[in-house]
């Protein structure tokens, strides 16, 4: 009985550990400012702009 109870709580501990690690990794960046980098990376980059509005067009960009 005790082993099955431990197995049922194991996924919750894994989820909690993943959340804690994610929070620890992203915490330093949350105090920084917002960097709007869409303009130089998307608007100015002609390699990611589709040539037409067809369905296969986004696949050619990737």
N, C-alpha and C. Protein backbone atom coordinates (compact mmCIF):
# COMPACT_ATOMS: atom_id res chain seq x y z
N UNK A 1 0.83 -1.20 0.00
CA UNK A 1 0.00 0.00 0.00
C UNK A 1 0.86 1.26 0.00
N UNK A 2 1.89 1.26 0.78
CA UNK A 2 2.72 2.46 0.89
C UNK A 2 3.44 2.77 -0.42
N UNK A 3 3.87 1.75 -1.13
CA UNK A 3 4.57 1.95 -2.39
C UNK A 3 3.65 2.56 -3.44
N UNK A 4 2.40 2.13 -3.48
CA UNK A 4 1.48 2.69 -4.47
C UNK A 4 1.13 4.14 -4.14
N UNK A 5 1.08 4.50 -2.87
CA UNK A 5 0.82 5.89 -2.50
C UNK A 5 2.00 6.77 -2.90
N UNK A 6 3.20 6.25 -2.78
CA UNK A 6 4.39 7.01 -3.17
C UNK A 6 4.41 7.22 -4.69
N UNK A 7 4.00 6.23 -5.44
CA UNK A 7 3.96 6.36 -6.89
C UNK A 7 2.91 7.35 -7.35
N UNK A 8 1.83 7.46 -6.61
CA UNK A 8 0.78 8.39 -7.03
C UNK A 8 1.15 9.84 -6.73
N UNK A 9 2.02 10.07 -5.77
CA UNK A 9 2.45 11.44 -5.49
C UNK A 9 3.70 11.83 -6.26
N UNK A 10 4.38 10.87 -6.87
CA UNK A 10 5.60 11.16 -7.61
C UNK A 10 5.38 12.13 -8.76
N UNK A 11 4.34 12.01 -9.59
CA UNK A 11 4.15 12.99 -10.66
C UNK A 11 3.96 14.42 -10.15
N UNK A 12 3.35 14.59 -8.99
CA UNK A 12 3.16 15.93 -8.44
C UNK A 12 4.50 16.53 -8.02
N UNK A 13 5.40 15.72 -7.47
CA UNK A 13 6.72 16.21 -7.09
C UNK A 13 7.54 16.57 -8.32
N UNK A 14 7.41 15.77 -9.37
CA UNK A 14 8.12 16.08 -10.61
C UNK A 14 7.60 17.38 -11.21
N UNK A 15 6.30 17.58 -11.19
CA UNK A 15 5.70 18.81 -11.70
C UNK A 15 6.15 20.01 -10.86
N UNK A 16 6.17 19.86 -9.55
CA UNK A 16 6.61 20.93 -8.67
C UNK A 16 8.09 21.25 -8.89
N UNK A 17 8.92 20.23 -9.05
CA UNK A 17 10.35 20.44 -9.29
C UNK A 17 10.58 21.14 -10.62
N UNK A 18 9.83 20.76 -11.66
CA UNK A 18 9.96 21.42 -12.95
C UNK A 18 9.54 22.88 -12.86
N UNK A 19 8.48 23.16 -12.12
CA UNK A 19 8.03 24.54 -11.94
C UNK A 19 9.07 25.35 -11.18
N UNK A 20 9.65 24.77 -10.14
CA UNK A 20 10.65 25.48 -9.34
C UNK A 20 11.91 25.76 -10.16
N UNK A 21 12.35 24.82 -10.97
CA UNK A 21 13.52 25.04 -11.82
C UNK A 21 13.23 26.12 -12.86
N UNK A 22 12.05 26.08 -13.46
CA UNK A 22 11.67 27.09 -14.45
C UNK A 22 11.63 28.47 -13.81
N UNK A 23 11.06 28.57 -12.65
CA UNK A 23 10.99 29.85 -11.94
C UNK A 23 12.39 30.36 -11.61
N UNK A 24 13.27 29.47 -11.16
CA UNK A 24 14.63 29.88 -10.81
C UNK A 24 15.41 30.35 -12.04
N UNK A 25 15.16 29.75 -13.18
CA UNK A 25 15.88 30.13 -14.40
C UNK A 25 15.38 31.47 -14.93
N UNK A 26 14.07 31.71 -14.91
CA UNK A 26 13.51 32.93 -15.49
C UNK A 26 13.48 34.10 -14.52
N UNK A 27 13.65 33.88 -13.24
CA UNK A 27 13.53 34.95 -12.24
C UNK A 27 14.45 36.15 -12.50
N UNK A 28 15.73 35.96 -12.82
CA UNK A 28 16.60 37.13 -13.04
C UNK A 28 16.14 38.00 -14.22
N UNK A 29 15.54 37.41 -15.23
CA UNK A 29 15.11 38.16 -16.40
C UNK A 29 13.81 38.91 -16.21
N UNK A 30 13.06 38.58 -15.18
CA UNK A 30 11.77 39.24 -14.97
C UNK A 30 11.91 40.68 -14.52
N UNK A 31 13.05 41.05 -13.94
CA UNK A 31 13.23 42.42 -13.48
C UNK A 31 13.77 43.33 -14.58
N UNK A 32 14.14 42.76 -15.71
CA UNK A 32 14.69 43.55 -16.80
C UNK A 32 13.59 44.22 -17.62
N UNK A 33 14.01 45.07 -18.51
CA UNK A 33 13.08 45.78 -19.37
C UNK A 33 12.66 44.92 -20.56
N UNK A 34 11.67 45.40 -21.27
CA UNK A 34 11.16 44.69 -22.44
C UNK A 34 11.99 45.09 -23.65
N UNK A 35 12.44 44.13 -24.40
CA UNK A 35 13.24 44.37 -25.59
C UNK A 35 12.40 44.05 -26.81
N UNK A 36 12.01 45.06 -27.54
CA UNK A 36 11.19 44.87 -28.73
C UNK A 36 12.13 44.68 -29.91
N UNK A 37 12.38 43.43 -30.26
CA UNK A 37 13.35 43.14 -31.33
C UNK A 37 12.69 42.63 -32.60
N UNK A 38 11.38 42.80 -32.73
CA UNK A 38 10.70 42.32 -33.93
C UNK A 38 11.11 43.10 -35.18
N UNK A 39 11.31 44.38 -35.04
CA UNK A 39 11.58 45.19 -36.22
C UNK A 39 12.89 44.78 -36.91
N UNK A 40 14.02 44.73 -36.23
CA UNK A 40 15.24 44.34 -36.96
C UNK A 40 15.28 42.86 -37.32
N UNK A 41 14.61 42.01 -36.56
CA UNK A 41 14.71 40.58 -36.81
C UNK A 41 13.66 40.06 -37.79
N UNK A 42 12.56 40.76 -37.95
CA UNK A 42 11.50 40.28 -38.84
C UNK A 42 11.26 41.26 -39.98
N UNK A 43 11.06 42.52 -39.67
CA UNK A 43 10.71 43.50 -40.69
C UNK A 43 11.89 43.77 -41.62
N UNK A 44 13.08 43.92 -41.08
CA UNK A 44 14.25 44.21 -41.91
C UNK A 44 14.87 42.98 -42.56
N UNK A 45 14.55 41.81 -42.07
CA UNK A 45 15.13 40.58 -42.61
C UNK A 45 14.28 40.06 -43.76
N UNK A 46 14.80 40.18 -44.96
CA UNK A 46 14.03 39.76 -46.13
C UNK A 46 13.98 38.24 -46.27
N UNK A 47 14.80 37.53 -45.52
CA UNK A 47 14.79 36.07 -45.58
C UNK A 47 13.58 35.45 -44.91
N UNK A 48 12.93 36.15 -44.00
CA UNK A 48 11.76 35.59 -43.33
C UNK A 48 10.45 36.17 -43.84
N UNK A 49 10.51 37.05 -44.81
CA UNK A 49 9.29 37.64 -45.36
C UNK A 49 8.80 36.77 -46.51
N UNK A 50 7.55 36.33 -46.46
CA UNK A 50 7.02 35.51 -47.56
C UNK A 50 6.80 36.36 -48.80
N UNK A 51 6.93 35.73 -49.94
CA UNK A 51 6.74 36.44 -51.20
C UNK A 51 5.29 36.57 -51.61
N UNK A 52 4.46 35.63 -51.15
CA UNK A 52 3.04 35.67 -51.48
C UNK A 52 2.23 35.14 -50.31
N UNK A 53 0.92 35.12 -50.46
CA UNK A 53 0.04 34.69 -49.37
C UNK A 53 -0.53 33.29 -49.59
N UNK A 54 0.23 32.42 -50.21
CA UNK A 54 -0.23 31.06 -50.45
C UNK A 54 0.03 30.19 -49.22
N UNK A 55 -0.59 29.02 -49.19
CA UNK A 55 -0.42 28.11 -48.05
C UNK A 55 0.99 27.56 -47.94
N UNK A 56 1.68 27.19 -49.03
CA UNK A 56 3.04 26.66 -48.90
C UNK A 56 4.09 27.74 -48.59
N UNK A 57 3.74 28.99 -48.70
CA UNK A 57 4.69 30.08 -48.49
C UNK A 57 5.34 30.06 -47.11
N UNK A 58 4.61 29.86 -46.01
CA UNK A 58 5.29 29.81 -44.70
C UNK A 58 6.26 28.64 -44.57
N UNK A 59 6.02 27.55 -45.27
CA UNK A 59 6.92 26.40 -45.19
C UNK A 59 8.24 26.69 -45.91
N UNK A 60 8.23 27.52 -46.92
CA UNK A 60 9.46 27.87 -47.62
C UNK A 60 10.34 28.76 -46.74
N UNK A 61 9.73 29.54 -45.86
CA UNK A 61 10.48 30.44 -44.98
C UNK A 61 11.24 29.63 -43.95
N UNK A 62 10.61 28.59 -43.44
CA UNK A 62 11.22 27.76 -42.40
C UNK A 62 12.30 26.93 -43.04
